[in-house]
N, C-alpha and C. Protein backbone atom coordinates (compact mmCIF):
# COMPACT_ATOMS: atom_id res chain seq x y z
N MET A 1 -33.32 43.24 0.27
CA MET A 1 -32.17 43.41 0.55
C MET A 1 -31.78 42.23 1.68
N ALA A 2 -32.34 41.62 2.38
CA ALA A 2 -32.22 40.55 3.22
C ALA A 2 -31.73 39.37 2.52
N ARG A 3 -32.04 39.28 1.16
CA ARG A 3 -31.41 38.17 0.31
C ARG A 3 -30.00 38.25 0.06
N LEU A 4 -29.52 39.65 0.10
CA LEU A 4 -28.05 39.73 -0.36
C LEU A 4 -27.18 39.08 0.43
N PRO A 5 -27.16 39.27 1.71
CA PRO A 5 -26.08 38.28 2.39
C PRO A 5 -26.22 36.76 2.28
N ILE A 6 -27.59 36.27 2.06
CA ILE A 6 -27.65 34.90 1.83
C ILE A 6 -27.26 34.64 0.28
N VAL A 7 -27.19 35.19 -0.52
CA VAL A 7 -26.70 34.88 -1.75
C VAL A 7 -25.16 35.19 -1.70
N ALA A 8 -24.39 36.14 -1.15
CA ALA A 8 -23.19 36.33 -0.94
C ALA A 8 -22.47 35.07 -0.10
N LEU A 9 -23.40 34.69 0.78
CA LEU A 9 -23.01 33.34 1.57
C LEU A 9 -22.78 32.33 0.75
N LEU A 10 -23.91 32.15 -0.05
CA LEU A 10 -23.97 30.85 -0.95
C LEU A 10 -22.89 30.81 -1.89
N ALA A 11 -22.60 32.21 -2.68
CA ALA A 11 -21.47 32.22 -3.64
C ALA A 11 -20.15 31.74 -2.74
N LEU A 12 -19.85 32.30 -1.57
CA LEU A 12 -18.60 31.95 -0.78
C LEU A 12 -18.45 30.35 -0.64
N LEU A 13 -19.46 29.82 -0.22
CA LEU A 13 -19.50 28.53 -0.02
C LEU A 13 -19.24 27.61 -1.33
N LEU A 14 -19.88 27.91 -2.56
CA LEU A 14 -19.73 27.35 -3.47
C LEU A 14 -18.39 27.69 -4.11
N ALA A 15 -17.57 28.77 -3.80
CA ALA A 15 -16.24 29.13 -4.39
C ALA A 15 -15.21 28.38 -3.60
N ALA A 16 -15.58 28.02 -2.27
CA ALA A 16 -14.55 27.47 -1.39
C ALA A 16 -14.12 26.04 -1.78
N PRO A 17 -12.93 25.75 -1.76
CA PRO A 17 -12.67 24.18 -2.20
C PRO A 17 -13.31 23.11 -1.33
N ALA A 18 -13.79 22.31 -1.92
CA ALA A 18 -14.42 21.15 -1.09
C ALA A 18 -13.34 20.38 -0.55
N ALA A 19 -13.39 19.83 0.71
CA ALA A 19 -12.46 18.72 1.14
C ALA A 19 -12.34 17.43 0.32
N ALA A 20 -11.28 17.06 -0.28
CA ALA A 20 -11.26 16.00 -1.10
C ALA A 20 -11.51 14.81 -0.38
N ALA A 21 -12.11 13.84 -0.48
CA ALA A 21 -12.37 12.49 0.15
C ALA A 21 -11.65 11.58 -0.74
N PRO A 22 -11.20 10.57 0.04
CA PRO A 22 -9.97 9.79 -0.52
C PRO A 22 -10.93 9.03 -1.32
N PRO A 23 -10.21 8.36 -2.73
CA PRO A 23 -10.91 7.67 -3.52
C PRO A 23 -11.28 6.27 -2.71
N SER A 24 -12.37 5.71 -3.33
CA SER A 24 -12.47 4.42 -2.75
C SER A 24 -13.02 3.58 -3.78
N THR A 25 -12.23 3.46 -5.00
CA THR A 25 -12.55 2.60 -6.14
C THR A 25 -11.91 1.14 -5.75
N GLY A 26 -11.39 0.95 -5.12
CA GLY A 26 -10.75 -0.48 -4.75
C GLY A 26 -9.83 -0.94 -5.91
N PRO A 27 -9.73 -2.22 -5.59
CA PRO A 27 -8.85 -2.73 -6.89
C PRO A 27 -9.59 -2.88 -8.32
N GLN A 28 -8.86 -2.62 -9.34
CA GLN A 28 -9.38 -2.73 -10.74
C GLN A 28 -8.82 -4.09 -11.44
N TYR A 29 -9.86 -4.80 -12.17
CA TYR A 29 -9.18 -5.94 -12.82
C TYR A 29 -9.79 -5.73 -14.01
N THR A 30 -9.04 -6.64 -15.10
CA THR A 30 -9.33 -6.65 -16.69
C THR A 30 -10.39 -7.79 -16.52
N ALA A 31 -10.86 -7.92 -17.79
CA ALA A 31 -11.99 -8.87 -18.16
C ALA A 31 -11.61 -10.14 -17.84
N LYS A 32 -10.15 -10.47 -17.97
CA LYS A 32 -9.79 -11.85 -17.61
C LYS A 32 -9.30 -11.91 -16.14
N GLY A 33 -9.70 -10.88 -15.31
CA GLY A 33 -9.33 -11.10 -13.89
C GLY A 33 -8.11 -10.72 -13.29
N GLU A 34 -7.15 -10.03 -14.33
CA GLU A 34 -5.93 -9.62 -13.82
C GLU A 34 -6.12 -8.33 -13.15
N LEU A 35 -5.31 -8.31 -12.10
CA LEU A 35 -5.05 -6.97 -11.38
C LEU A 35 -4.48 -5.74 -12.12
N ILE A 36 -5.02 -4.69 -12.37
CA ILE A 36 -4.60 -3.60 -13.01
C ILE A 36 -3.93 -2.79 -11.89
N PRO A 37 -2.34 -2.57 -12.02
CA PRO A 37 -1.78 -1.84 -10.94
C PRO A 37 -2.00 -0.40 -11.07
N PRO A 38 -2.35 0.08 -9.91
CA PRO A 38 -2.89 1.55 -9.71
C PRO A 38 -1.73 2.44 -10.25
N PRO A 39 -1.84 3.24 -11.21
CA PRO A 39 -0.77 4.09 -11.52
C PRO A 39 -0.33 5.20 -10.79
N ASP A 40 -1.22 5.67 -9.77
CA ASP A 40 -1.04 6.79 -9.08
C ASP A 40 -0.55 6.27 -7.55
N TYR A 41 -0.06 5.18 -7.35
CA TYR A 41 0.10 4.44 -5.86
C TYR A 41 1.18 5.46 -5.28
N ARG A 42 2.01 6.20 -5.94
CA ARG A 42 3.05 6.80 -5.15
C ARG A 42 2.43 8.03 -4.43
N ASP A 43 1.20 8.31 -4.95
CA ASP A 43 0.33 9.62 -4.34
C ASP A 43 -0.50 8.91 -2.90
N TRP A 44 -0.38 7.45 -2.83
CA TRP A 44 -1.15 7.02 -1.69
C TRP A 44 -0.42 7.42 -0.36
N VAL A 45 -0.86 6.54 0.50
CA VAL A 45 -0.26 6.80 1.92
C VAL A 45 0.93 6.02 2.02
N PHE A 46 2.17 6.52 2.42
CA PHE A 46 3.32 5.87 2.53
C PHE A 46 3.28 5.11 3.98
N LEU A 47 3.39 3.89 3.88
CA LEU A 47 3.57 2.93 5.09
C LEU A 47 4.97 2.83 5.73
N THR A 48 6.00 2.48 4.69
CA THR A 48 7.19 2.13 5.29
C THR A 48 8.22 2.10 4.17
N SER A 49 9.74 2.10 4.54
CA SER A 49 10.54 1.67 3.63
C SER A 49 11.67 0.81 4.20
N SER A 50 12.33 -0.01 3.68
CA SER A 50 13.47 -0.72 4.04
C SER A 50 14.44 -0.92 2.93
N LEU A 51 15.51 -1.28 3.75
CA LEU A 51 16.79 -1.60 2.68
C LEU A 51 17.21 -3.01 2.81
N ASP A 52 17.15 -3.84 1.79
CA ASP A 52 17.53 -5.21 1.63
C ASP A 52 16.66 -6.13 2.51
N LEU A 53 15.52 -5.78 2.96
CA LEU A 53 14.70 -6.77 3.68
C LEU A 53 14.28 -7.79 3.01
N ASN A 54 14.57 -9.15 3.25
CA ASN A 54 14.64 -10.18 2.44
C ASN A 54 13.94 -11.27 3.38
N TYR A 55 12.98 -12.18 2.83
CA TYR A 55 12.39 -13.09 3.36
C TYR A 55 12.96 -14.36 3.45
N ALA A 56 14.01 -14.43 2.62
CA ALA A 56 14.59 -15.76 2.28
C ALA A 56 16.17 -15.51 2.78
N PRO A 57 16.66 -16.66 3.03
CA PRO A 57 18.09 -16.64 3.36
C PRO A 57 18.88 -16.12 2.28
N GLY A 58 20.03 -15.44 2.88
CA GLY A 58 21.09 -14.81 2.04
C GLY A 58 20.77 -13.39 1.80
N GLN A 59 21.67 -12.79 1.01
CA GLN A 59 21.70 -11.28 0.85
C GLN A 59 21.41 -11.25 -0.89
N PRO A 60 20.72 -10.22 -1.36
CA PRO A 60 20.39 -9.86 -2.60
C PRO A 60 21.84 -9.46 -3.28
N LYS A 61 21.94 -9.57 -4.45
CA LYS A 61 23.28 -9.39 -5.09
C LYS A 61 23.50 -7.82 -5.26
N THR A 62 22.49 -6.99 -5.15
CA THR A 62 22.55 -5.61 -5.23
C THR A 62 21.49 -5.02 -4.13
N HIS A 63 21.88 -3.89 -3.58
CA HIS A 63 20.92 -3.26 -2.77
C HIS A 63 19.67 -2.88 -3.17
N VAL A 64 18.55 -3.30 -2.51
CA VAL A 64 17.21 -2.98 -2.82
C VAL A 64 16.42 -2.03 -1.52
N PHE A 65 15.60 -1.08 -2.12
CA PHE A 65 14.77 -0.52 -1.39
C PHE A 65 13.55 -0.78 -1.32
N ASP A 66 12.86 -1.27 -0.61
CA ASP A 66 11.26 -1.18 -0.71
C ASP A 66 10.58 -0.32 -0.28
N ASN A 67 9.49 0.21 -0.93
CA ASN A 67 8.63 1.48 -0.31
C ASN A 67 7.33 0.64 -0.32
N VAL A 68 6.39 0.71 0.73
CA VAL A 68 4.96 0.29 0.78
C VAL A 68 4.14 1.31 0.92
N PHE A 69 2.94 1.31 0.13
CA PHE A 69 2.00 2.33 -0.01
C PHE A 69 0.65 1.63 0.26
N VAL A 70 -0.29 2.20 0.67
CA VAL A 70 -1.71 1.71 0.73
C VAL A 70 -2.69 2.84 0.31
N ASP A 71 -3.86 2.43 -0.43
CA ASP A 71 -4.69 3.26 -0.80
C ASP A 71 -5.48 4.34 0.22
N PRO A 72 -5.46 5.42 0.23
CA PRO A 72 -6.18 6.34 1.17
C PRO A 72 -7.48 5.99 1.77
N ALA A 73 -8.24 5.33 1.17
CA ALA A 73 -9.55 5.05 1.65
C ALA A 73 -9.38 4.01 2.67
N SER A 74 -8.42 3.09 2.27
CA SER A 74 -8.04 1.86 3.35
C SER A 74 -7.45 2.31 4.38
N TRP A 75 -6.61 3.18 4.48
CA TRP A 75 -5.80 3.96 5.45
C TRP A 75 -6.71 4.69 6.51
N ALA A 76 -7.59 5.26 5.76
CA ALA A 76 -8.54 6.03 6.72
C ALA A 76 -9.36 5.26 7.62
N ALA A 77 -9.86 4.08 6.83
CA ALA A 77 -10.64 3.16 7.67
C ALA A 77 -9.66 2.43 8.63
N PHE A 78 -8.57 2.13 8.32
CA PHE A 78 -7.80 1.47 9.40
C PHE A 78 -7.37 2.20 10.46
N LYS A 79 -7.09 3.62 10.17
CA LYS A 79 -7.08 4.45 11.47
C LYS A 79 -8.22 4.51 12.30
N LYS A 80 -9.20 4.16 11.98
CA LYS A 80 -10.56 4.48 12.83
C LYS A 80 -10.72 3.12 13.48
N THR A 81 -10.42 2.09 12.73
CA THR A 81 -10.77 0.68 13.22
C THR A 81 -9.64 -0.39 13.68
N GLY A 82 -8.52 -0.10 13.16
CA GLY A 82 -7.35 -1.11 13.37
C GLY A 82 -7.54 -2.30 12.51
N HIS A 83 -8.38 -2.18 11.46
CA HIS A 83 -8.46 -3.57 10.76
C HIS A 83 -8.44 -2.89 9.09
N TRP A 84 -7.69 -3.61 8.44
CA TRP A 84 -7.76 -3.44 6.89
C TRP A 84 -9.04 -3.74 6.40
N PRO A 85 -9.76 -2.83 5.60
CA PRO A 85 -11.17 -3.26 5.13
C PRO A 85 -11.01 -4.14 3.87
N ASP A 86 -12.19 -4.42 3.66
CA ASP A 86 -12.24 -5.00 2.06
C ASP A 86 -12.03 -4.20 1.21
N LYS A 87 -11.37 -4.62 0.16
CA LYS A 87 -10.80 -3.72 -0.96
C LYS A 87 -9.45 -2.93 -0.61
N THR A 88 -8.88 -3.16 0.41
CA THR A 88 -7.48 -2.54 0.67
C THR A 88 -6.74 -2.98 -0.55
N VAL A 89 -5.85 -2.00 -1.03
CA VAL A 89 -4.80 -2.45 -1.91
C VAL A 89 -3.36 -1.96 -1.26
N MET A 90 -2.60 -2.79 -1.00
CA MET A 90 -1.15 -2.41 -0.70
C MET A 90 -0.07 -2.44 -1.87
N VAL A 91 0.83 -1.76 -2.00
CA VAL A 91 1.82 -1.93 -3.33
C VAL A 91 3.20 -1.72 -2.59
N ARG A 92 3.91 -2.71 -2.92
CA ARG A 92 5.45 -2.54 -2.55
C ARG A 92 6.22 -2.48 -3.68
N GLU A 93 6.78 -1.41 -3.93
CA GLU A 93 7.93 -1.14 -4.94
C GLU A 93 9.18 -1.36 -4.48
N ASN A 94 10.00 -1.95 -5.43
CA ASN A 94 11.51 -2.36 -5.18
C ASN A 94 12.18 -1.59 -6.14
N LEU A 95 12.99 -0.77 -5.49
CA LEU A 95 13.94 -0.01 -6.30
C LEU A 95 15.37 -0.12 -5.95
N VAL A 96 16.20 -0.41 -7.00
CA VAL A 96 17.73 -0.50 -6.94
C VAL A 96 18.23 0.56 -6.00
N GLY A 97 19.21 0.20 -5.12
CA GLY A 97 20.05 1.26 -4.40
C GLY A 97 20.97 1.63 -5.16
N GLY A 98 21.49 2.79 -4.90
CA GLY A 98 22.48 3.78 -5.68
C GLY A 98 23.70 3.95 -4.48
N ALA A 99 24.75 4.07 -5.06
CA ALA A 99 26.03 4.65 -4.10
C ALA A 99 27.01 5.55 -4.73
N GLU A 100 27.56 6.35 -4.11
CA GLU A 100 28.76 6.88 -4.63
C GLU A 100 28.44 7.68 -5.98
N THR A 101 27.14 8.54 -6.13
CA THR A 101 26.89 8.97 -7.39
C THR A 101 26.87 10.77 -6.93
N SER A 102 27.24 11.36 -7.77
CA SER A 102 27.09 12.77 -7.48
C SER A 102 27.94 13.53 -6.37
N ILE A 103 27.19 13.64 -5.18
CA ILE A 103 27.81 14.28 -4.08
C ILE A 103 27.82 13.03 -2.94
N ALA A 104 27.11 12.03 -3.29
CA ALA A 104 27.10 11.01 -2.18
C ALA A 104 28.34 10.25 -2.14
N LYS A 105 28.99 10.07 -1.12
CA LYS A 105 30.30 9.47 -0.80
C LYS A 105 30.12 8.26 0.02
N ALA A 106 29.01 8.04 0.61
CA ALA A 106 28.73 7.07 1.56
C ALA A 106 27.18 6.91 1.70
N GLY A 107 27.02 5.60 2.08
CA GLY A 107 25.55 5.22 2.29
C GLY A 107 24.90 4.86 0.97
N GLN A 108 23.36 4.54 1.06
CA GLN A 108 22.66 4.06 -0.26
C GLN A 108 21.50 4.98 -0.47
N PHE A 109 21.02 5.12 -1.59
CA PHE A 109 20.07 6.01 -1.82
C PHE A 109 18.86 5.11 -2.89
N GLN A 110 17.89 5.77 -2.92
CA GLN A 110 17.03 4.83 -4.04
C GLN A 110 17.30 5.53 -5.51
N THR A 111 17.28 4.82 -6.43
CA THR A 111 17.36 5.00 -7.67
C THR A 111 15.88 4.87 -8.44
N GLU A 112 15.86 5.36 -9.69
CA GLU A 112 14.64 5.11 -10.18
C GLU A 112 14.40 3.71 -10.87
N HIS A 113 15.29 3.09 -10.94
CA HIS A 113 15.40 1.63 -11.47
C HIS A 113 14.45 0.72 -10.50
N ASN A 114 13.20 0.44 -11.20
CA ASN A 114 12.25 -0.30 -10.32
C ASN A 114 12.37 -1.73 -10.87
N LEU A 115 12.67 -2.76 -9.83
CA LEU A 115 12.58 -4.08 -10.18
C LEU A 115 11.35 -4.79 -10.33
N GLY A 116 10.12 -4.09 -9.83
CA GLY A 116 8.89 -4.43 -10.11
C GLY A 116 8.02 -4.07 -8.75
N LEU A 117 6.63 -4.47 -8.82
CA LEU A 117 5.68 -4.17 -7.77
C LEU A 117 5.15 -5.57 -7.34
N GLU A 118 4.96 -5.30 -6.15
CA GLU A 118 4.21 -6.47 -5.49
C GLU A 118 3.01 -5.90 -4.82
N LEU A 119 1.95 -6.62 -5.04
CA LEU A 119 0.70 -6.01 -4.68
C LEU A 119 -0.23 -6.98 -3.76
N HIS A 120 -0.46 -6.55 -2.57
CA HIS A 120 -1.30 -7.44 -1.49
C HIS A 120 -2.94 -6.81 -1.57
N VAL A 121 -3.70 -7.70 -2.00
CA VAL A 121 -4.78 -7.04 -2.15
C VAL A 121 -6.21 -7.81 -1.24
N ARG A 122 -6.91 -7.15 -0.76
CA ARG A 122 -7.96 -7.59 0.19
C ARG A 122 -9.12 -7.56 -0.61
N ASP A 123 -9.71 -8.71 -1.02
CA ASP A 123 -11.06 -8.57 -1.93
C ASP A 123 -11.67 -9.87 -1.75
N ASP A 124 -12.59 -9.68 -0.45
CA ASP A 124 -13.22 -10.87 0.30
C ASP A 124 -14.05 -11.73 -0.83
N ALA A 125 -14.80 -11.21 -1.68
CA ALA A 125 -15.71 -12.02 -2.56
C ALA A 125 -14.63 -12.67 -3.65
N ARG A 126 -13.37 -12.20 -4.06
CA ARG A 126 -12.63 -12.76 -4.99
C ARG A 126 -11.62 -13.91 -4.55
N PHE A 127 -11.19 -13.58 -3.38
CA PHE A 127 -9.93 -14.47 -3.00
C PHE A 127 -10.17 -15.32 -2.00
N LYS A 128 -9.80 -16.50 -1.85
CA LYS A 128 -9.80 -17.60 -0.86
C LYS A 128 -8.93 -16.99 0.30
N GLY A 129 -9.65 -16.89 1.63
CA GLY A 129 -9.09 -16.04 2.51
C GLY A 129 -8.84 -14.65 2.71
N GLY A 130 -9.63 -14.22 1.49
CA GLY A 130 -9.68 -12.64 1.45
C GLY A 130 -8.71 -11.96 0.93
N TRP A 131 -7.48 -12.41 0.82
CA TRP A 131 -6.26 -11.75 0.41
C TRP A 131 -5.89 -12.40 -0.87
N GLY A 132 -5.18 -11.54 -1.73
CA GLY A 132 -4.50 -12.03 -2.92
C GLY A 132 -3.31 -11.39 -3.24
N PHE A 133 -2.20 -12.05 -3.78
CA PHE A 133 -1.00 -11.61 -4.11
C PHE A 133 -0.60 -11.47 -5.65
N PHE A 134 0.07 -10.33 -6.08
CA PHE A 134 0.30 -10.13 -7.38
C PHE A 134 1.82 -9.63 -7.61
N ALA A 135 2.57 -9.82 -8.58
CA ALA A 135 3.65 -9.32 -8.83
C ALA A 135 3.71 -8.78 -10.48
N THR A 136 4.08 -7.83 -10.71
CA THR A 136 4.10 -7.05 -11.85
C THR A 136 5.24 -6.06 -12.17
N ASP A 137 5.58 -5.79 -13.31
CA ASP A 137 6.29 -4.94 -13.89
C ASP A 137 5.62 -3.56 -14.24
N GLY A 138 4.29 -3.62 -13.76
CA GLY A 138 3.50 -2.32 -14.22
C GLY A 138 2.35 -2.82 -15.12
N LYS A 139 2.38 -4.03 -15.71
CA LYS A 139 1.15 -4.43 -16.68
C LYS A 139 0.11 -5.22 -15.78
N PRO A 140 -0.93 -5.34 -16.14
CA PRO A 140 -1.98 -6.20 -15.51
C PRO A 140 -1.45 -7.51 -15.20
N ALA A 141 -1.74 -8.07 -14.06
CA ALA A 141 -1.06 -9.32 -13.53
C ALA A 141 -2.06 -10.32 -13.01
N ALA A 142 -1.82 -11.53 -13.16
CA ALA A 142 -2.59 -12.73 -13.02
C ALA A 142 -2.26 -12.85 -11.27
N LEU A 143 -3.19 -13.38 -10.64
CA LEU A 143 -3.07 -13.78 -9.27
C LEU A 143 -1.97 -14.70 -9.09
N ILE A 144 -1.10 -14.44 -8.10
CA ILE A 144 -0.10 -15.68 -7.68
C ILE A 144 -0.77 -16.63 -7.27
N PRO A 145 -0.44 -17.98 -7.65
CA PRO A 145 -1.16 -19.27 -7.15
C PRO A 145 -1.06 -19.20 -5.68
N TYR A 146 -2.23 -19.62 -5.01
CA TYR A 146 -2.50 -19.85 -3.66
C TYR A 146 -1.33 -20.93 -2.91
N GLN A 147 -0.77 -21.89 -3.82
CA GLN A 147 0.38 -22.68 -3.23
C GLN A 147 1.68 -21.98 -3.01
N ALA A 148 1.71 -20.61 -3.70
CA ALA A 148 3.06 -19.86 -3.49
C ALA A 148 3.43 -19.57 -2.01
N ASP A 149 4.47 -19.42 -1.62
CA ASP A 149 4.96 -19.48 -0.26
C ASP A 149 4.55 -17.97 0.44
N CYS A 150 4.17 -17.01 -0.50
CA CYS A 150 3.68 -15.67 0.12
C CYS A 150 2.46 -15.85 0.95
N TYR A 151 1.51 -16.78 0.64
CA TYR A 151 0.51 -16.91 1.34
C TYR A 151 0.51 -17.56 2.74
N SER A 152 1.42 -18.60 2.74
CA SER A 152 1.61 -19.38 4.26
C SER A 152 2.57 -18.44 4.89
N CYS A 153 3.49 -17.60 4.35
CA CYS A 153 4.42 -16.78 4.91
C CYS A 153 3.72 -15.62 5.81
N HIS A 154 2.79 -14.92 5.12
CA HIS A 154 1.82 -13.83 5.43
C HIS A 154 0.94 -14.49 6.68
N GLU A 155 0.35 -15.62 6.48
CA GLU A 155 -0.36 -16.29 7.46
C GLU A 155 0.36 -16.39 8.74
N GLN A 156 1.62 -17.06 8.53
CA GLN A 156 2.31 -17.28 9.74
C GLN A 156 2.96 -16.24 10.62
N HIS A 157 3.37 -15.19 9.67
CA HIS A 157 4.40 -14.26 10.11
C HIS A 157 3.61 -12.97 10.12
N GLY A 158 2.55 -12.68 9.34
CA GLY A 158 1.78 -11.37 9.47
C GLY A 158 1.31 -10.86 10.84
N SER A 159 1.61 -9.86 11.29
CA SER A 159 1.04 -9.42 12.51
C SER A 159 0.04 -8.97 12.96
N SER A 160 -0.90 -8.68 11.43
CA SER A 160 -2.24 -7.95 11.60
C SER A 160 -2.99 -8.45 10.20
N GLN A 161 -3.84 -9.23 10.29
CA GLN A 161 -4.76 -9.74 9.13
C GLN A 161 -3.77 -10.16 7.93
N SER A 162 -2.74 -11.08 8.23
CA SER A 162 -1.78 -11.51 7.26
C SER A 162 -1.03 -10.61 6.65
N THR A 163 -0.84 -9.23 7.15
CA THR A 163 -0.09 -8.11 6.75
C THR A 163 0.82 -8.08 7.75
N PHE A 164 2.27 -7.73 7.25
CA PHE A 164 3.43 -7.28 7.84
C PHE A 164 3.45 -6.00 8.63
N THR A 165 2.36 -5.71 9.37
CA THR A 165 2.27 -4.63 10.04
C THR A 165 3.37 -4.22 10.86
N GLN A 166 4.03 -5.29 11.57
CA GLN A 166 5.07 -5.22 12.40
C GLN A 166 6.36 -4.28 11.75
N PHE A 167 6.20 -4.10 10.32
CA PHE A 167 7.15 -3.30 9.66
C PHE A 167 6.54 -2.02 9.51
N TYR A 168 5.31 -1.41 9.77
CA TYR A 168 4.77 -0.31 9.54
C TYR A 168 4.79 0.47 10.86
N PRO A 169 5.64 1.31 11.02
CA PRO A 169 5.78 2.07 12.24
C PRO A 169 4.26 2.96 12.58
N THR A 170 3.77 3.36 11.61
CA THR A 170 2.68 4.31 11.94
C THR A 170 1.38 3.40 11.90
N ALA A 171 1.12 2.10 11.31
CA ALA A 171 0.04 1.38 11.72
C ALA A 171 0.03 0.14 12.91
N LYS A 172 1.41 -0.14 13.11
CA LYS A 172 1.78 -0.74 14.43
C LYS A 172 0.81 -0.41 15.36
N PRO A 173 0.98 0.89 16.09
CA PRO A 173 0.27 1.05 17.31
C PRO A 173 -1.07 1.12 17.02
N ILE A 174 -1.65 1.33 16.04
CA ILE A 174 -3.09 1.43 15.71
C ILE A 174 -3.63 0.01 15.59
N ALA A 175 -2.99 -0.77 15.29
CA ALA A 175 -3.45 -2.35 15.04
C ALA A 175 -3.40 -2.99 16.59
N HIS A 176 -2.20 -2.39 17.29
CA HIS A 176 -2.35 -2.82 18.77
C HIS A 176 -3.33 -2.34 19.84
N LYS A 177 -3.53 -1.15 19.34
CA LYS A 177 -4.68 -0.48 20.35
C LYS A 177 -5.89 -1.24 20.02
N ALA A 178 -6.10 -1.74 18.89
CA ALA A 178 -7.43 -2.30 18.42
C ALA A 178 -7.50 -3.80 18.61
N GLY A 179 -6.56 -4.28 19.22
CA GLY A 179 -6.31 -5.89 19.62
C GLY A 179 -6.39 -6.58 18.47
N ASN A 180 -5.80 -5.90 17.35
CA ASN A 180 -5.49 -6.61 16.13
C ASN A 180 -4.00 -6.63 15.64
N TYR A 181 -3.37 -6.92 16.51
CA TYR A 181 -1.82 -7.20 16.52
C TYR A 181 -1.31 -8.39 16.96
N ALA A 182 -0.42 -9.14 16.53
CA ALA A 182 0.33 -10.31 17.23
C ALA A 182 1.75 -10.16 17.14
N GLU A 183 2.52 -10.19 17.90
CA GLU A 183 3.68 -10.19 17.74
C GLU A 183 4.25 -11.29 17.14
N ARG A 184 5.01 -11.03 16.09
CA ARG A 184 5.57 -12.31 15.29
C ARG A 184 7.12 -12.01 15.01
C-alpha cells in the first residue's frame, strides 16, 4: 500500500510538462562554410525595432523598419553575465514600411515585404575577432569580407562587444551593470 502514493507521484511528475530549455545549437553552416539563416528567428528574443535607422548619410527611398532578434540561449547567458557568449546569433530583418492602408490614415507600420536579413554571429573559433557578418535573402550566405565597413563601424561604435547594444533598451542596462558598456 505504501507504494501507491510513490507510483502516483511518479505518474504526476512524468505527466507534468517539463520546462523548455532554450535551444543552444548555435550558428549552423553548410559544408562550404556558408551561414544557414535560422528559420525560426522570429520566435527568438526580440531586442529592438527602429524606423529608418541608417548608418550612412541620407534617407532611404522608402521607410524601413528593422527588428533585431537574438537566440534564446545567448540572451539567457547575457542576462546572467552582461556579455554576449560564443555562438551568439543576432538577426536584423528589414521590413518595408507601409502607410494609409486599410484603416491607417497616418503613421507607418511594418509590412511583410522583407528586404533581407543581416546576421551578426559570434563564433570565436571561426571568425577573426570573434564576430562575423552575413547578409541574406533567406538562403545560406557567405561571410561578408573583413574589409567591409560593418566590421570597423561595429568596432568603433558598438557599445558592448562590437554590438549596438545602445539601441537595445532591454540589454543596455544589463551590459552597463556588468561593466560591459561604453557610451558611443
